[in-house]
C-alpha atoms as a PDB file:
ATOM      1  CA  UNK A   1     142.948  85.039 150.176  1.00  0.00           C
ATOM      2  CA  UNK A   2     141.909  85.023 153.834  1.00  0.00           C
ATOM      3  CA  UNK A   3     143.135  88.455 154.910  1.00  0.00           C
ATOM      4  CA  UNK A   4     144.437  91.189 152.657  1.00  0.00           C
ATOM      5  CA  UNK A   5     147.491  93.008 153.972  1.00  0.00           C
ATOM      6  CA  UNK A   6     147.917  96.703 153.148  1.00  0.00           C
ATOM      7  CA  UNK A   7     151.700  96.317 153.283  1.00  0.00           C
ATOM      8  CA  UNK A   8     151.510  93.980 150.273  1.00  0.00           C
ATOM      9  CA  UNK A   9     150.560  96.948 148.072  1.00  0.00           C
ATOM     10  CA  UNK A  10     153.628  98.218 146.195  1.00  0.00           C
ATOM     11  CA  UNK A  11     154.672 101.668 147.484  1.00  0.00           C
ATOM     12  CA  UNK A  12     154.718 103.161 143.979  1.00  0.00           C
ATOM     13  CA  UNK A  13     151.006 102.245 143.593  1.00  0.00           C
ATOM     14  CA  UNK A  14     150.002 104.482 146.526  1.00  0.00           C
ATOM     15  CA  UNK A  15     149.830 108.253 146.463  1.00  0.00           C
ATOM     16  CA  UNK A  16     149.078 110.137 149.668  1.00  0.00           C
ATOM     17  CA  UNK A  17     147.687 113.673 149.685  1.00  0.00           C
ATOM     18  CA  UNK A  18     146.915 115.915 152.629  1.00  0.00           C
ATOM     19  CA  UNK A  19     143.882 118.178 152.529  1.00  0.00           C
ATOM     20  CA  UNK A  20     142.451 120.801 154.810  1.00  0.00           C
ATOM     21  CA  UNK A  21     140.116 119.066 157.219  1.00  0.00           C
ATOM     22  CA  UNK A  22     136.536 120.070 157.910  1.00  0.00           C
ATOM     23  CA  UNK A  23     134.432 119.951 161.034  1.00  0.00           C
ATOM     24  CA  UNK A  24     135.541 120.413 164.659  1.00  0.00           C
ATOM     25  CA  UNK A  25     139.060 121.428 165.525  1.00  0.00           C
ATOM     26  CA  UNK A  26     138.996 125.177 166.042  1.00  0.00           C
ATOM     27  CA  UNK A  27     142.009 127.051 164.692  1.00  0.00           C
ATOM     28  CA  UNK A  28     143.811 123.756 164.110  1.00  0.00           C
ATOM     29  CA  UNK A  29     141.463 122.875 161.261  1.00  0.00           C
ATOM     30  CA  UNK A  30     142.398 126.129 159.475  1.00  0.00           C
ATOM     31  CA  UNK A  31     146.147 125.706 159.909  1.00  0.00           C
ATOM     32  CA  UNK A  32     146.915 122.012 159.495  1.00  0.00           C
ATOM     33  CA  UNK A  33     146.063 119.682 156.607  1.00  0.00           C
ATOM     34  CA  UNK A  34     144.707 116.824 158.716  1.00  0.00           C
ATOM     35  CA  UNK A  35     142.518 115.098 156.120  1.00  0.00           C
ATOM     36  CA  UNK A  36     144.242 112.288 154.224  1.00  0.00           C
ATOM     37  CA  UNK A  37     143.438 111.168 150.695  1.00  0.00           C
ATOM     38  CA  UNK A  38     144.946 107.853 149.602  1.00  0.00           C
ATOM     39  CA  UNK A  39     144.983 107.113 145.895  1.00  0.00           C
ATOM     40  CA  UNK A  40     145.776 103.503 144.939  1.00  0.00           C
ATOM     41  CA  UNK A  41     146.501 102.503 141.351  1.00  0.00           C
ATOM     42  CA  UNK A  42     144.474  99.295 141.114  1.00  0.00           C
ATOM     43  CA  UNK A  43     146.213  98.113 137.947  1.00  0.00           C
ATOM     44  CA  UNK A  44     149.554  98.034 139.806  1.00  0.00           C
ATOM     45  CA  UNK A  45     148.091  95.514 142.275  1.00  0.00           C
ATOM     46  CA  UNK A  46     147.886  92.738 139.672  1.00  0.00           C
ATOM     47  CA  UNK A  47     144.385  91.666 140.645  1.00  0.00           C
ATOM     48  CA  UNK A  48     142.570  88.796 138.962  1.00  0.00           C
ATOM     49  CA  UNK A  49     139.852  89.982 136.531  1.00  0.00           C
ATOM     50  CA  UNK A  50     137.039  88.711 138.770  1.00  0.00           C
ATOM     51  CA  UNK A  51     138.509  90.454 141.832  1.00  0.00           C
ATOM     52  CA  UNK A  52     138.958  93.677 139.838  1.00  0.00           C
ATOM     53  CA  UNK A  53     135.332  93.503 138.668  1.00  0.00           C
ATOM     54  CA  UNK A  54     134.081  93.034 142.239  1.00  0.00           C
ATOM     55  CA  UNK A  55     136.318  95.864 143.488  1.00  0.00           C
ATOM     56  CA  UNK A  56     135.040  98.201 140.787  1.00  0.00           C
ATOM     57  CA  UNK A  57     131.452  97.360 141.752  1.00  0.00           C
ATOM     58  CA  UNK A  58     132.121  97.809 145.489  1.00  0.00           C
ATOM     59  CA  UNK A  59     134.081 101.043 145.059  1.00  0.00           C
ATOM     60  CA  UNK A  60     131.483 102.735 142.871  1.00  0.00           C
ATOM     61  CA  UNK A  61     132.277 106.438 142.523  1.00  0.00           C
ATOM     62  CA  UNK A  62     135.486 106.037 144.564  1.00  0.00           C
ATOM     63  CA  UNK A  63     137.121 104.406 141.505  1.00  0.00           C
ATOM     64  CA  UNK A  64     138.159 106.708 138.680  1.00  0.00           C
ATOM     65  CA  UNK A  65     138.064 105.812 134.998  1.00  0.00           C
ATOM     66  CA  UNK A  66     141.856 105.402 135.048  1.00  0.00           C
ATOM     67  CA  UNK A  67     141.603 102.645 137.668  1.00  0.00           C
ATOM     68  CA  UNK A  68     142.603 104.725 140.684  1.00  0.00           C
ATOM     69  CA  UNK A  69     140.845 103.998 143.967  1.00  0.00           C
ATOM     70  CA  UNK A  70     140.397 107.245 145.944  1.00  0.00           C
ATOM     71  CA  UNK A  71     139.632 107.125 149.680  1.00  0.00           C
ATOM     72  CA  UNK A  72     139.449 110.329 151.720  1.00  0.00           C
ATOM     73  CA  UNK A  73     139.480 110.215 155.529  1.00  0.00           C
ATOM     74  CA  UNK A  74     138.670 113.333 157.519  1.00  0.00           C
ATOM     75  CA  UNK A  75     136.779 112.016 160.547  1.00  0.00           C
ATOM     76  CA  UNK A  76     139.617 112.481 163.020  1.00  0.00           C
ATOM     77  CA  UNK A  77     141.484 115.560 164.191  1.00  0.00           C
ATOM     78  CA  UNK A  78     144.975 114.170 163.604  1.00  0.00           C
ATOM     79  CA  UNK A  79     146.607 113.317 160.315  1.00  0.00           C
ATOM     80  CA  UNK A  80     147.911 109.991 161.609  1.00  0.00           C
ATOM     81  CA  UNK A  81     144.460 108.841 162.747  1.00  0.00           C
ATOM     82  CA  UNK A  82     143.010 109.778 159.357  1.00  0.00           C
ATOM     83  CA  UNK A  83     145.826 107.871 157.611  1.00  0.00           C
ATOM     84  CA  UNK A  84     145.023 104.758 159.679  1.00  0.00           C
ATOM     85  CA  UNK A  85     141.307 105.193 158.887  1.00  0.00           C
ATOM     86  CA  UNK A  86     141.926 105.489 155.132  1.00  0.00           C
ATOM     87  CA  UNK A  87     144.305 102.509 155.200  1.00  0.00           C
ATOM     88  CA  UNK A  88     141.752 100.396 157.072  1.00  0.00           C
ATOM     89  CA  UNK A  89     138.986 101.329 154.630  1.00  0.00           C
ATOM     90  CA  UNK A  90     141.107 100.426 151.594  1.00  0.00           C
ATOM     91  CA  UNK A  91     142.136  97.146 153.219  1.00  0.00           C
ATOM     92  CA  UNK A  92     138.501  96.292 154.008  1.00  0.00           C
ATOM     93  CA  UNK A  93     137.452  97.112 150.440  1.00  0.00           C
ATOM     94  CA  UNK A  94     140.192  94.927 148.949  1.00  0.00           C
ATOM     95  CA  UNK A  95     139.397  92.069 151.372  1.00  0.00           C
ATOM     96  CA  UNK A  96     135.741  92.207 150.413  1.00  0.00           C
ATOM     97  CA  UNK A  97     136.661  92.196 146.716  1.00  0.00           C
ATOM     98  CA  UNK A  98     138.793  89.079 147.213  1.00  0.00           C
ATOM     99  CA  UNK A  99     135.872  87.255 148.832  1.00  0.00           C
ATOM    100  CA  UNK A 100     134.000  85.204 146.228  1.00  0.00           C
ATOM    101  CA  UNK A 101     130.240  85.264 146.885  1.00  0.00           C
ATOM    102  CA  UNK A 102     128.551  81.894 147.212  1.00  0.00           C
ATOM    103  CA  UNK A 103     126.516  80.898 144.205  1.00  0.00           C
ATOM    104  CA  UNK A 104     122.784  80.601 144.652  1.00  0.00           C
ATOM    105  CA  UNK A 105     121.486  77.116 144.016  1.00  0.00           C
ATOM    106  CA  UNK A 106     118.151  77.263 142.234  1.00  0.00           C
ATOM    107  CA  UNK A 107     115.432  75.242 143.903  1.00  0.00           C
ATOM    108  CA  UNK A 108     112.086  74.111 142.615  1.00  0.00           C
ATOM    109  CA  UNK A 109     108.912  73.828 144.689  1.00  0.00           C
ATOM    110  CA  UNK A 110     107.608  70.281 145.046  1.00  0.00           C
ATOM    111  CA  UNK A 111     104.347  69.186 143.461  1.00  0.00           C
ATOM    112  CA  UNK A 112     102.698  69.073 146.904  1.00  0.00           C
ATOM    113  CA  UNK A 113     103.862  72.638 147.653  1.00  0.00           C
ATOM    114  CA  UNK A 114     102.379  73.826 144.342  1.00  0.00           C
ATOM    115  CA  UNK A 115      99.086  72.083 145.163  1.00  0.00           C
ATOM    116  CA  UNK A 116      98.976  73.685 148.634  1.00  0.00           C
ATOM    117  CA  UNK A 117      99.594  77.098 147.083  1.00  0.00           C
ATOM    118  CA  UNK A 118      96.778  76.675 144.554  1.00  0.00           C
ATOM    119  CA  UNK A 119      94.403  75.401 147.259  1.00  0.00           C
ATOM    120  CA  UNK A 120      95.141  78.372 149.512  1.00  0.00           C
ATOM    121  CA  UNK A 121      94.574  80.741 146.561  1.00  0.00           C
ATOM    122  CA  UNK A 122      91.195  79.091 145.879  1.00  0.00           C
ATOM    123  CA  UNK A 123      90.165  79.441 149.529  1.00  0.00           C
ATOM    124  CA  UNK A 124      91.243  83.086 149.560  1.00  0.00           C
ATOM    125  CA  UNK A 125      89.301  83.717 146.350  1.00  0.00           C
ATOM    126  CA  UNK A 126      86.159  82.203 147.866  1.00  0.00           C
ATOM    127  CA  UNK A 127      86.511  84.413 150.952  1.00  0.00           C
ATOM    128  CA  UNK A 128      86.777  87.494 148.746  1.00  0.00           C
ATOM    129  CA  UNK A 129      83.865  86.343 146.596  1.00  0.00           C
ATOM    130  CA  UNK A 130      81.677  86.093 149.703  1.00  0.00           C
ATOM    131  CA  UNK A 131      82.455  89.734 150.557  1.00  0.00           C
ATOM    132  CA  UNK A 132      80.549  91.059 147.548  1.00  0.00           C
ATOM    133  CA  UNK A 133      77.403  93.184 147.761  1.00  0.00           C
ATOM    134  CA  UNK A 134      74.343  91.181 148.716  1.00  0.00           C
ATOM    135  CA  UNK A 135      72.131  90.461 145.697  1.00  0.00           C
ATOM    136  CA  UNK A 136      68.457  91.225 145.908  1.00  0.00           C
ATOM    137  CA  UNK A 137      66.513  88.552 144.040  1.00  0.00           C
END
């Protein structure tokens, strides 16, 4: 999946709550619930098990035990801007979960590389050996 689209989430899987905002805003912050909390039921999305596992790992504490992804946006002074912010963050999280990480291919050092490593260790050991206290014979 190249780009995840927020509009592809079923409407009944999304719950939107409005909270009192914090931070700058003067009297407006006390009167208007500008912060937006989006709650997405992940099980209603029909994700593949591998995608769900990656999403759960990426979300961390933002995912509840019941499989609800909770994102709260309160950076902006308007409710609409916070809604766009929360939507963008959920979309980015779901896109990242859909991206399969590339598998690491194990490599093995060559025999020559191993020999060079051992030789350099021997040289280093000799340098350290020469640093010892001078012996009085």
